[in-house]
């Protein structure tokens, strides 16, 4: 029996309908990924590759599962010596350093709560997180800005007891590398009160906060099993393959694509540690290391298709997927033309695993999120709570009256009011708008707050943005609403121009006429503004709310 067969009742399906109706997970009561996946593989195939890591400075490390277990155990023993125990909150600010995997797995073994965080946090951000979650320890990379912000935050963080650093020495900080080196290699699975249960909290993610202060999304120890669908049926990873998901470890996308489902399904993970995204350099490492499956946000693919992809031997790539923001059809078609690979888009949130998707065996429809994932009961509700008809826009909700999907969050940590606002009467409201076609494919419209109402029409910003991106002058854009006394709202396009283009009245009219031709004429942007950059969250998502607020001034 393969490891996958221990957790899935059936792995092969004849159709999407068969997959949706009959996929079922087996979740042991005491499931703990670090013991039940990492250690099991290390016992059965100790030399099997777990991770291939390299950085933009020429360094490289390859870890077998036995090595990964050894480093994880040593890290767990080191953390235990500092007093970290079950239920303690520990923040990891480790970028794409391989030490992140040691620490994450060590915290799983200890039963502690891991809080992955981005290195872009300011002192104010860190104080908010420390005090919201009672953070006891922070483990960080040895970068001056990161260290400085944490040191400043410490003064206002009464629960913070330990600051641990890797890759350098700073006053008042404990050396992670030395601690790991000097710690024992054996770590026994805790029993009794220190043992973990599948329902215990293992991860806390602070959402990126496009509209307000970040929320604390809590996941339990069964969460990794929910990512079997992610890895096998969306990423299409294979035994002894090499999968690359482009994501910083501070975001949930990292555990979607850099550890859980991939290891359960037999694939190694590839990690490219870089400070600045350079399309050619990322393509070069894909070629050099023969990456077999690849996942990235739309922005990465937009830059890829600007390169001459014929100069890169991408023959090792067998499957490519996309997530993070909606995929514009123009990007899909250009990448397909250059590589022969269809980009498989999905929809999900930090609160869940893959929720709607284009899964293995499905024919993707460019621009569509796909169809509901198994175990997710999806509906679209109108403004008064009725289920929408085919073609009618509504808010995406997950109905949990019959079952709660494995991998769906437990609620917002320490905030029952916020949890009830988003998830009540067995309905979880995603805050995202979509419509469904007659074949069951879902099409993203935008955040509920972003939908534009102009002259009686409802206009989804994503459709307008997709039309804009088909114009060669448009590199990046955001579509928002501007208040108007006659029409209610006007459509505004805020645009970053591609190289060799300059803003002018003539270009504005050309772009407007282009949108009128490729989508309904009433959707064209009556206001066009050219900018050097767009406001974004620290996770890279466009903050349309900031553009709207700026327009009100």
Protein backbone atom coordinates (compact mmCIF):
# COMPACT_ATOMS: atom_id res chain seq x y z
CA UNK A 1 0.00 0.00 0.00
CA UNK A 2 1.31 3.42 -0.94
CA UNK A 3 1.28 6.29 1.52
CA UNK A 4 -1.45 7.96 -0.51
CA UNK A 5 -3.66 4.88 -0.24
CA UNK A 6 -3.58 5.21 3.54
CA UNK A 7 -5.42 8.50 3.35
CA UNK A 8 -7.63 8.19 0.24
CA UNK A 9 -10.27 5.51 -0.32
CA UNK A 10 -9.99 5.78 -4.11
CA UNK A 11 -7.36 7.55 -6.18
CA UNK A 12 -8.47 6.87 -9.79
CA UNK A 13 -11.69 8.28 -11.22
CA UNK A 14 -13.44 7.90 -14.56
CA UNK A 15 -14.77 11.45 -14.85
CA UNK A 16 -15.09 14.75 -13.04
CA UNK A 17 -18.51 13.66 -11.77
CA UNK A 18 -17.02 10.44 -10.40
CA UNK A 19 -14.23 12.43 -8.77
CA UNK A 20 -16.57 14.99 -7.19
CA UNK A 21 -19.09 12.45 -5.89
CA UNK A 22 -16.78 9.68 -4.71
CA UNK A 23 -13.48 11.17 -3.56
CA UNK A 24 -13.12 10.50 0.17
CA UNK A 25 -10.31 11.08 2.65
CA UNK A 26 -9.36 8.85 5.57
CA UNK A 27 -8.36 11.03 8.54
CA UNK A 28 -6.78 9.27 11.54
CA UNK A 29 -7.77 10.80 14.89
CA UNK A 30 -4.15 11.44 15.85
CA UNK A 31 -2.89 12.47 12.39
CA UNK A 32 0.28 14.52 12.52
CA UNK A 33 1.98 15.20 9.17
CA UNK A 34 5.50 15.26 10.62
CA UNK A 35 5.20 11.79 12.13
CA UNK A 36 2.73 10.14 9.74
CA UNK A 37 4.20 11.37 6.46
CA UNK A 38 7.77 12.63 6.89
CA UNK A 39 8.87 9.89 9.29
CA UNK A 40 7.03 7.14 7.41
CA UNK A 41 8.72 8.03 4.12
CA UNK A 42 12.08 8.33 5.91
CA UNK A 43 11.59 4.80 7.27
CA UNK A 44 10.51 3.28 3.96
CA UNK A 45 12.71 5.22 1.50
CA UNK A 46 15.35 7.12 3.49
CA UNK A 47 17.33 8.17 0.40
CA UNK A 48 14.30 9.46 -1.52
CA UNK A 49 14.66 13.16 -2.38
CA UNK A 50 12.42 15.41 -0.30
CA UNK A 51 13.67 18.83 -1.41
CA UNK A 52 15.96 20.41 -3.96
CA UNK A 53 16.90 23.91 -2.81
CA UNK A 54 18.98 26.56 -4.54
CA UNK A 55 19.28 30.32 -4.37
CA UNK A 56 20.13 33.18 -6.72
CA UNK A 57 23.71 33.26 -5.47
CA UNK A 58 24.63 29.80 -6.73
CA UNK A 59 24.16 27.83 -3.50
CA UNK A 60 22.46 24.44 -3.60
CA UNK A 61 21.25 21.83 -1.11
CA UNK A 62 19.47 18.53 -1.74
CA UNK A 63 17.73 16.89 1.21
CA UNK A 64 16.66 13.27 1.42
CA UNK A 65 13.72 12.34 3.63
CA UNK A 66 16.12 10.84 6.17
CA UNK A 67 18.08 14.10 6.30
CA UNK A 68 14.88 16.08 6.59
CA UNK A 69 13.76 13.91 9.50
CA UNK A 70 17.12 14.28 11.23
CA UNK A 71 17.14 18.08 10.95
CA UNK A 72 13.49 18.24 12.00
CA UNK A 73 14.16 16.14 15.10
CA UNK A 74 17.18 18.21 16.05
CA UNK A 75 15.15 21.40 15.61
CA UNK A 76 12.30 19.99 17.70
CA UNK A 77 14.72 19.06 20.49
CA UNK A 78 16.27 22.54 20.34
CA UNK A 79 12.88 24.25 20.56
CA UNK A 80 11.89 21.93 23.40
CA UNK A 81 15.04 22.91 25.30
CA UNK A 82 13.86 26.53 25.10
CA UNK A 83 10.54 25.56 26.64
CA UNK A 84 8.38 25.46 23.51
CA UNK A 85 5.51 23.03 24.03
CA UNK A 86 2.12 22.03 22.72
CA UNK A 87 -0.13 25.04 22.10
CA UNK A 88 2.66 27.67 22.13
CA UNK A 89 2.56 30.16 19.26
CA UNK A 90 5.76 30.53 17.22
CA UNK A 91 6.19 32.94 14.30
CA UNK A 92 8.48 31.99 11.40
CA UNK A 93 9.91 34.76 9.22
CA UNK A 94 12.24 32.70 7.06
CA UNK A 95 11.53 33.70 3.45
CA UNK A 96 12.49 30.68 1.28
CA UNK A 97 15.28 29.42 3.53
CA UNK A 98 15.31 25.63 3.92
CA UNK A 99 15.30 26.12 7.69
CA UNK A 100 11.60 26.94 7.34
CA UNK A 101 10.88 23.26 6.69
CA UNK A 102 12.94 22.17 9.72
CA UNK A 103 11.04 24.61 11.93
CA UNK A 104 7.54 23.96 10.57
CA UNK A 105 7.89 20.20 10.96
CA UNK A 106 9.53 20.55 14.37
CA UNK A 107 6.60 22.64 15.59
CA UNK A 108 4.22 19.99 14.26
CA UNK A 109 6.07 17.35 16.26
CA UNK A 110 5.89 19.48 19.39
CA UNK A 111 2.22 20.28 18.85
CA UNK A 112 2.99 24.00 18.83
CA UNK A 113 1.13 26.55 16.70
CA UNK A 114 3.12 27.74 13.69
CA UNK A 115 2.54 31.27 12.36
CA UNK A 116 4.29 31.71 8.99
CA UNK A 117 4.88 35.39 8.23
CA UNK A 118 6.41 37.49 5.49
CA UNK A 119 9.71 39.33 5.88
CA UNK A 120 7.96 42.51 4.67
CA UNK A 121 6.21 43.06 8.00
CA UNK A 122 6.87 46.33 9.78
CA UNK A 123 7.33 46.66 13.56
CA UNK A 124 3.66 47.69 13.83
CA UNK A 125 2.59 44.55 11.91
CA UNK A 126 4.68 42.34 14.18
CA UNK A 127 3.31 43.92 17.37
CA UNK A 128 -0.23 43.29 16.11
CA UNK A 129 0.55 39.63 15.41
CA UNK A 130 2.49 39.05 18.60
CA UNK A 131 -0.28 40.38 20.80
CA UNK A 132 -3.18 38.92 18.83
CA UNK A 133 -1.78 35.40 19.05
CA UNK A 134 0.38 35.59 22.21
CA UNK A 135 3.51 34.77 20.24
CA UNK A 136 6.13 33.16 22.48
CA UNK A 137 9.01 32.86 20.00
CA UNK A 138 10.02 34.32 16.63
CA UNK A 139 12.46 32.57 14.30
CA UNK A 140 13.80 34.89 11.62
CA UNK A 141 16.33 35.29 8.83
CA UNK A 142 19.46 37.32 9.55
CA UNK A 143 18.51 40.43 7.62
CA UNK A 144 18.99 43.84 9.18
CA UNK A 145 15.50 45.18 8.42
CA UNK A 146 13.79 42.04 9.70
CA UNK A 147 15.86 41.98 12.89
CA UNK A 148 15.36 45.72 13.46
CA UNK A 149 11.57 45.52 13.14
CA UNK A 150 11.36 42.57 15.52
CA UNK A 151 13.62 44.28 18.07
CA UNK A 152 11.42 47.38 17.99
CA UNK A 153 8.26 45.27 18.25
CA UNK A 154 9.62 43.34 21.23
CA UNK A 155 9.16 46.38 23.48
CA UNK A 156 5.39 46.21 22.99
CA UNK A 157 5.09 42.39 22.90
CA UNK A 158 4.84 41.10 26.49
CA UNK A 159 4.42 37.42 25.55
CA UNK A 160 7.53 37.26 23.34
CA UNK A 161 10.22 35.32 25.22
CA UNK A 162 12.67 34.13 22.54
CA UNK A 163 14.16 35.59 19.38
CA UNK A 164 15.97 33.02 17.25
CA UNK A 165 17.95 33.83 14.12
CA UNK A 166 19.47 31.78 11.30
CA UNK A 167 22.42 32.85 9.18
CA UNK A 168 23.95 35.48 11.46
CA UNK A 169 24.59 36.79 14.95
CA UNK A 170 22.77 39.62 16.68
CA UNK A 171 22.80 40.80 20.28
CA UNK A 172 19.87 39.39 22.21
CA UNK A 173 19.23 36.68 19.63
CA UNK A 174 19.68 32.90 19.90
CA UNK A 175 21.59 31.12 17.12
CA UNK A 176 19.29 28.61 15.38
CA UNK A 177 22.10 26.96 13.42
CA UNK A 178 24.15 26.34 16.56
CA UNK A 179 21.08 25.12 18.43
CA UNK A 180 20.23 22.59 15.71
CA UNK A 181 23.83 21.41 15.43
CA UNK A 182 24.13 20.69 19.14
CA UNK A 183 20.74 19.00 19.61
CA UNK A 184 20.03 15.21 19.61
CA UNK A 185 18.84 13.48 16.44
CA UNK A 186 16.12 11.36 18.04
CA UNK A 187 12.72 12.76 18.93
CA UNK A 188 9.99 10.50 20.25
CA UNK A 189 6.37 11.07 19.44
CA UNK A 190 4.70 12.73 22.44
CA UNK A 191 2.06 10.80 24.33
CA UNK A 192 -0.68 11.72 26.78
CA UNK A 193 -1.48 15.39 27.16
CA UNK A 194 1.40 16.42 24.89
CA UNK A 195 0.19 14.29 21.95
CA UNK A 196 -1.69 16.03 19.15
CA UNK A 197 -5.19 15.34 17.90
CA UNK A 198 -6.37 16.02 14.37
CA UNK A 199 -8.59 18.82 15.70
CA UNK A 200 -5.82 20.72 17.53
CA UNK A 201 -4.61 24.01 16.05
CA UNK A 202 -1.42 23.61 14.01
CA UNK A 203 -1.29 26.73 11.84
CA UNK A 204 -2.34 30.36 12.10
CA UNK A 205 -2.30 32.57 9.02
CA UNK A 206 -2.86 36.29 9.10
CA UNK A 207 -4.73 37.16 5.91
CA UNK A 208 -3.32 39.93 3.75
CA UNK A 209 -5.94 42.49 4.73
CA UNK A 210 -7.14 44.02 1.44
CA UNK A 211 -9.97 45.80 3.29
CA UNK A 212 -9.01 45.89 6.98
CA UNK A 213 -6.80 44.50 9.71
CA UNK A 214 -5.59 40.94 9.03
CA UNK A 215 -7.74 38.10 10.32
CA UNK A 216 -6.25 35.05 12.05
CA UNK A 217 -7.17 31.95 10.08
CA UNK A 218 -6.75 28.80 12.18
CA UNK A 219 -6.15 25.34 10.70
CA UNK A 220 -5.98 22.01 12.49
CA UNK A 221 -3.64 19.04 12.15
CA UNK A 222 -5.85 17.37 9.52
CA UNK A 223 -5.32 20.35 7.18
CA UNK A 224 -2.42 18.78 5.20
CA UNK A 225 -4.68 15.94 4.07
CA UNK A 226 -6.96 18.43 2.38
CA UNK A 227 -4.05 19.27 0.08
CA UNK A 228 -4.03 15.81 -1.50
CA UNK A 229 -6.53 17.26 -3.97
CA UNK A 230 -4.21 20.24 -4.45
CA UNK A 231 -1.18 18.15 -5.32
CA UNK A 232 -2.55 15.11 -7.13
CA UNK A 233 -5.58 16.43 -8.95
CA UNK A 234 -4.59 20.03 -9.62
CA UNK A 235 -0.78 20.25 -9.61
CA UNK A 236 -0.72 16.73 -11.10
CA UNK A 237 2.47 15.80 -9.25
CA UNK A 238 3.90 12.35 -9.82
CA UNK A 239 6.01 9.86 -7.88
CA UNK A 240 9.64 11.05 -7.85
CA UNK A 241 8.69 14.20 -9.78
CA UNK A 242 9.94 17.68 -8.88
CA UNK A 243 7.34 20.34 -8.14
CA UNK A 244 7.87 24.09 -7.96
CA UNK A 245 5.27 26.42 -6.53
CA UNK A 246 6.37 30.05 -6.56
CA UNK A 247 5.51 31.39 -3.11
CA UNK A 248 7.17 32.93 -0.10
CA UNK A 249 6.83 30.81 3.03
CA UNK A 250 5.00 33.64 4.75
CA UNK A 251 1.84 32.87 2.79
CA UNK A 252 -0.54 29.90 2.79
CA UNK A 253 0.32 29.20 -0.86
CA UNK A 254 3.65 27.82 0.37
CA UNK A 255 2.08 24.91 2.23
CA UNK A 256 -0.33 24.45 -0.68
CA UNK A 257 2.60 23.73 -2.98
CA UNK A 258 5.85 23.27 -1.10
CA UNK A 259 5.30 20.37 1.30
CA UNK A 260 2.03 18.72 2.33
CA UNK A 261 0.23 17.27 -0.66
CA UNK A 262 3.40 16.96 -2.73
CA UNK A 263 5.15 14.68 -0.21
CA UNK A 264 2.04 12.60 0.41
CA UNK A 265 1.78 12.03 -3.35
CA UNK A 266 5.44 11.06 -3.72
CA UNK A 267 6.89 14.19 -5.33
CA UNK A 268 9.93 16.13 -4.22
CA UNK A 269 9.60 19.90 -3.86
CA UNK A 270 11.86 22.41 -5.54
CA UNK A 271 12.63 25.70 -3.79
CA UNK A 272 14.26 28.65 -5.53
CA UNK A 273 15.33 31.22 -2.95
CA UNK A 274 15.61 34.65 -4.57
CA UNK A 275 15.32 38.28 -3.52
CA UNK A 276 14.14 39.78 -6.81
CA UNK A 277 12.03 38.05 -9.43
CA UNK A 278 13.87 37.97 -12.77
CA UNK A 279 11.86 35.98 -15.36
CA UNK A 280 14.91 34.67 -17.25
CA UNK A 281 16.60 33.45 -14.06
CA UNK A 282 13.50 31.58 -12.91
CA UNK A 283 13.15 29.98 -16.34
CA UNK A 284 16.84 29.03 -16.24
CA UNK A 285 16.47 27.12 -12.96
CA UNK A 286 13.35 25.33 -14.24
CA UNK A 287 15.43 24.15 -17.19
CA UNK A 288 18.55 23.31 -15.16
CA UNK A 289 16.79 21.23 -12.51
CA UNK A 290 14.21 19.72 -14.85
CA UNK A 291 11.15 20.77 -12.88
CA UNK A 292 8.22 18.55 -13.85
CA UNK A 293 5.23 20.43 -12.44
CA UNK A 294 4.95 24.17 -11.88
CA UNK A 295 2.52 26.56 -10.22
CA UNK A 296 2.68 30.35 -10.04
CA UNK A 297 0.42 33.41 -9.84
CA UNK A 298 -0.70 35.12 -13.07
CA UNK A 299 1.94 37.83 -12.75
CA UNK A 300 4.74 35.28 -13.22
CA UNK A 301 3.17 33.94 -16.40
CA UNK A 302 2.58 37.47 -17.69
CA UNK A 303 6.30 38.11 -17.45
CA UNK A 304 7.14 34.68 -18.90
CA UNK A 305 5.22 35.33 -22.11
CA UNK A 306 7.13 38.59 -22.55
CA UNK A 307 10.29 36.47 -22.83
CA UNK A 308 11.19 34.46 -25.92
CA UNK A 309 10.19 31.07 -24.49
CA UNK A 310 11.57 29.28 -27.56
CA UNK A 311 15.05 29.92 -26.12
CA UNK A 312 14.31 27.75 -23.07
CA UNK A 313 14.11 23.96 -23.09
CA UNK A 314 10.97 23.50 -21.04
CA UNK A 315 10.44 19.90 -22.12
CA UNK A 316 10.69 18.65 -18.52
CA UNK A 317 7.47 20.53 -17.65
CA UNK A 318 4.47 18.23 -17.87
CA UNK A 319 1.81 20.29 -16.10
CA UNK A 320 1.38 23.97 -15.21
CA UNK A 321 -1.16 25.52 -12.88
CA UNK A 322 -2.11 28.99 -11.76
CA UNK A 323 -3.60 30.61 -8.66
CA UNK A 324 -3.50 33.74 -6.53
CA UNK A 325 -5.56 35.98 -8.77
CA UNK A 326 -7.89 35.33 -11.73
CA UNK A 327 -6.24 34.26 -14.98
CA UNK A 328 -6.76 36.46 -18.01
CA UNK A 329 -7.51 34.42 -21.16
CA UNK A 330 -4.86 36.31 -23.15
CA UNK A 331 -2.13 34.96 -20.84
CA UNK A 332 -3.57 31.45 -21.15
CA UNK A 333 -3.51 31.47 -24.95
CA UNK A 334 -0.05 33.00 -25.29
CA UNK A 335 1.49 30.49 -22.87
CA UNK A 336 -0.29 27.60 -24.61
CA UNK A 337 1.01 28.78 -27.97
CA UNK A 338 4.57 29.01 -26.66
CA UNK A 339 4.69 25.75 -24.66
CA UNK A 340 1.75 23.55 -25.60
CA UNK A 341 0.73 23.50 -21.93
CA UNK A 342 -2.73 24.44 -20.69
CA UNK A 343 -2.74 26.53 -17.54
CA UNK A 344 -5.04 24.93 -14.96
CA UNK A 345 -6.64 27.62 -12.81
CA UNK A 346 -8.30 27.17 -9.43
CA UNK A 347 -10.05 29.25 -6.80
CA UNK A 348 -9.36 29.07 -3.08
CA UNK A 349 -8.71 31.17 0.00
CA UNK A 350 -6.40 31.04 3.01
CA UNK A 351 -9.47 29.75 4.87
CA UNK A 352 -9.74 26.67 2.64
CA UNK A 353 -7.93 24.34 0.27
CA UNK A 354 -8.73 24.14 -3.46
CA UNK A 355 -12.41 25.05 -3.58
CA UNK A 356 -13.20 25.34 -7.29
CA UNK A 357 -10.78 24.18 -9.95
CA UNK A 358 -9.74 22.84 -13.32
CA UNK A 359 -8.67 19.36 -12.31
CA UNK A 360 -6.66 16.66 -14.06
CA UNK A 361 -8.75 15.24 -16.89
CA UNK A 362 -10.92 18.33 -17.25
CA UNK A 363 -10.78 20.58 -20.29
CA UNK A 364 -10.08 24.09 -18.96
CA UNK A 365 -12.06 27.04 -20.19
CA UNK A 366 -9.72 30.04 -20.27
CA UNK A 367 -10.81 32.57 -17.68
CA UNK A 368 -12.95 30.09 -15.76
CA UNK A 369 -12.12 28.93 -12.23
CA UNK A 370 -13.43 25.47 -13.12
CA UNK A 371 -15.84 23.30 -11.15
CA UNK A 372 -16.30 22.61 -7.42
CA UNK A 373 -13.68 20.49 -5.68
CA UNK A 374 -14.83 17.24 -4.05
CA UNK A 375 -16.14 17.64 -0.47
CA UNK A 376 -16.99 21.31 -1.17
CA UNK A 377 -20.72 22.02 -1.53
CA UNK A 378 -20.64 25.27 -3.52
CA UNK A 379 -23.54 27.62 -4.19
CA UNK A 380 -24.02 31.15 -5.51
CA UNK A 381 -26.35 33.38 -3.51
CA UNK A 382 -27.96 36.63 -4.57
CA UNK A 383 -28.32 39.69 -2.32
CA UNK A 384 -31.34 38.27 -0.49
CA UNK A 385 -29.86 34.81 0.00
CA UNK A 386 -31.50 32.89 -2.84
CA UNK A 387 -29.55 30.46 -5.04
CA UNK A 388 -28.69 32.01 -8.38
CA UNK A 389 -29.85 30.80 -11.77
CA UNK A 390 -27.43 29.82 -14.54
CA UNK A 391 -25.63 32.96 -15.73
CA UNK A 392 -26.71 35.04 -12.74
CA UNK A 393 -24.02 36.65 -10.59
CA UNK A 394 -23.91 35.84 -6.91
CA UNK A 395 -21.59 35.44 -3.96
CA UNK A 396 -19.66 32.19 -3.73
CA UNK A 397 -20.59 30.31 -0.55
CA UNK A 398 -19.69 26.93 0.92
CA UNK A 399 -22.56 25.00 2.49
CA UNK A 400 -21.40 22.96 5.48
CA UNK A 401 -24.70 21.53 6.74
CA UNK A 402 -23.93 18.08 5.32
CA UNK A 403 -20.16 18.03 5.84
CA UNK A 404 -17.21 20.29 6.55
CA UNK A 405 -14.40 19.76 4.04
CA UNK A 406 -11.09 18.47 5.37
CA UNK A 407 -8.76 21.45 5.13
CA UNK A 408 -11.40 24.10 5.75
CA UNK A 409 -10.48 26.43 8.58
CA UNK A 410 -11.77 26.19 12.15
CA UNK A 411 -12.82 29.84 12.23
CA UNK A 412 -11.04 33.09 13.00
CA UNK A 413 -8.79 32.68 16.03
CA UNK A 414 -10.13 34.40 19.14
CA UNK A 415 -12.81 36.23 17.15
CA UNK A 416 -16.17 34.49 17.34
CA UNK A 417 -17.99 37.61 16.15
CA UNK A 418 -15.97 37.75 12.94
CA UNK A 419 -16.36 34.00 12.45
CA UNK A 420 -20.14 34.26 12.81
CA UNK A 421 -20.24 37.13 10.35
CA UNK A 422 -18.52 35.04 7.67
CA UNK A 423 -19.82 31.59 8.61
CA UNK A 424 -23.25 31.15 10.13
CA UNK A 425 -26.21 28.80 9.67
CA UNK A 426 -23.80 26.36 8.02
CA UNK A 427 -23.00 28.77 5.19
CA UNK A 428 -19.52 30.26 4.74
CA UNK A 429 -19.52 33.49 2.72
CA UNK A 430 -16.32 33.94 0.72
CA UNK A 431 -16.94 37.58 -0.19
CA UNK A 432 -16.22 36.76 -3.85
CA UNK A 433 -18.66 37.07 -6.73
CA UNK A 434 -19.02 34.67 -9.65
CA UNK A 435 -21.51 33.19 -12.11
CA UNK A 436 -21.95 29.63 -13.37
CA UNK A 437 -22.45 28.58 -16.98
CA UNK A 438 -24.76 25.83 -18.20
CA UNK A 439 -21.96 23.25 -18.06
CA UNK A 440 -21.15 23.91 -14.41
CA UNK A 441 -18.02 26.05 -14.89
CA UNK A 442 -17.65 29.01 -12.53
CA UNK A 443 -16.46 32.43 -13.70
CA UNK A 444 -14.94 34.97 -11.31
CA UNK A 445 -16.43 38.47 -11.23
CA UNK A 446 -14.63 40.16 -8.33
CA UNK A 447 -14.82 40.83 -4.64
CA UNK A 448 -18.35 41.66 -3.55
CA UNK A 449 -17.11 45.13 -2.58
CA UNK A 450 -15.43 45.61 -5.98
CA UNK A 451 -18.42 45.02 -8.27
CA UNK A 452 -19.29 48.22 -10.15
CA UNK A 453 -22.92 49.35 -10.59
CA UNK A 454 -23.18 51.82 -13.46
CA UNK A 455 -26.41 53.01 -15.13
CA UNK A 456 -28.22 49.93 -13.90
CA UNK A 457 -25.52 47.53 -15.09
CA UNK A 458 -23.41 45.33 -12.81
CA UNK A 459 -19.82 45.23 -14.06
CA UNK A 460 -17.17 42.84 -12.76
CA UNK A 461 -13.70 44.42 -12.71
CA UNK A 462 -12.00 41.19 -13.72
CA UNK A 463 -13.71 41.06 -17.13
CA UNK A 464 -12.67 44.63 -17.91
CA UNK A 465 -9.13 43.98 -16.70
CA UNK A 466 -8.92 40.91 -18.94
CA UNK A 467 -9.95 43.02 -21.93
CA UNK A 468 -7.41 45.70 -21.04
CA UNK A 469 -4.58 43.20 -20.75
CA UNK A 470 -5.14 42.10 -24.33
CA UNK A 471 -3.92 45.52 -25.44
CA UNK A 472 -0.14 45.53 -25.96
CA UNK A 473 0.29 48.84 -24.12
CA UNK A 474 -1.10 47.48 -20.85
CA UNK A 475 1.36 45.71 -18.55
CA UNK A 476 -0.76 45.72 -15.39
CA UNK A 477 -4.07 47.29 -14.42
CA UNK A 478 -6.79 47.66 -11.82
CA UNK A 479 -10.42 48.48 -12.54
CA UNK A 480 -12.43 50.31 -9.88
CA UNK A 481 -15.57 52.41 -9.48
CA UNK A 482 -15.70 56.19 -9.24
CA UNK A 483 -18.89 57.81 -7.83
CA UNK A 484 -20.96 59.65 -10.45
CA UNK A 485 -24.18 61.65 -9.86
CA UNK A 486 -25.76 60.57 -13.15
CA UNK A 487 -24.66 56.94 -13.57
CA UNK A 488 -24.12 56.01 -9.95
CA UNK A 489 -20.60 54.80 -10.65
CA UNK A 490 -18.14 55.09 -13.53
CA UNK A 491 -15.60 52.48 -14.57
CA UNK A 492 -12.03 53.60 -14.00
CA UNK A 493 -8.88 51.85 -15.24
CA UNK A 494 -5.60 52.51 -13.46
CA UNK A 495 -2.86 51.28 -15.80
CA UNK A 496 0.86 50.57 -15.73
CA UNK A 497 2.11 50.84 -19.29
CA UNK A 498 4.39 48.35 -21.00
CA UNK A 499 7.85 49.40 -22.09
CA UNK A 500 8.04 51.81 -25.03
CA UNK A 501 4.55 53.21 -24.41
CA UNK A 502 3.77 56.68 -23.11
CA UNK A 503 0.47 57.96 -21.81
CA UNK A 504 -1.50 60.29 -24.07
CA UNK A 505 -5.06 61.24 -24.93
CA UNK A 506 -4.72 59.25 -28.12
CA UNK A 507 -3.66 56.13 -26.22
CA UNK A 508 -6.55 56.55 -23.77
CA UNK A 509 -9.05 56.57 -26.67
CA UNK A 510 -7.30 53.61 -28.32
CA UNK A 511 -7.54 51.58 -25.10
CA UNK A 512 -11.17 52.56 -24.58
CA UNK A 513 -12.08 51.56 -28.14
CA UNK A 514 -10.25 48.27 -27.66
CA UNK A 515 -12.31 47.41 -24.58
CA UNK A 516 -15.53 48.29 -26.42
CA UNK A 517 -14.61 45.79 -29.13
CA UNK A 518 -13.64 42.83 -26.94
CA UNK A 519 -16.37 43.14 -24.33
CA UNK A 520 -19.76 44.81 -23.95
CA UNK A 521 -19.44 48.53 -24.89
CA UNK A 522 -21.01 49.73 -21.61
CA UNK A 523 -18.11 48.18 -19.68
CA UNK A 524 -15.38 50.37 -21.15
CA UNK A 525 -13.42 52.58 -18.70
CA UNK A 526 -14.65 56.15 -18.96
CA UNK A 527 -11.69 57.21 -16.81
CA UNK A 528 -8.15 56.07 -17.56
CA UNK A 529 -5.15 56.91 -15.38
CA UNK A 530 -1.57 55.93 -16.13
CA UNK A 531 0.62 55.24 -13.07
CA UNK A 532 4.08 53.94 -12.26
CA UNK A 533 2.82 51.42 -9.69
CA UNK A 534 -0.36 50.02 -8.19
CA UNK A 535 -1.08 49.86 -4.44
CA UNK A 536 -0.71 46.29 -3.24
CA UNK A 537 -0.85 44.26 -0.08
CA UNK A 538 2.40 42.79 1.22
CA UNK A 539 1.35 39.55 -0.48
CA UNK A 540 1.19 41.31 -3.85
CA UNK A 541 -2.58 41.57 -4.30
CA UNK A 542 -3.89 44.82 -5.72
CA UNK A 543 -5.61 47.03 -3.13
CA UNK A 544 -8.50 48.37 -5.19
CA UNK A 545 -9.98 49.78 -1.99
CA UNK A 546 -6.99 52.12 -1.75
CA UNK A 547 -7.57 53.38 -5.29
CA UNK A 548 -11.25 53.98 -4.52
CA UNK A 549 -10.42 55.87 -1.32
CA UNK A 550 -7.86 58.01 -3.14
CA UNK A 551 -10.45 58.95 -5.77
CA UNK A 552 -12.81 60.23 -3.07
CA UNK A 553 -10.30 62.82 -1.87
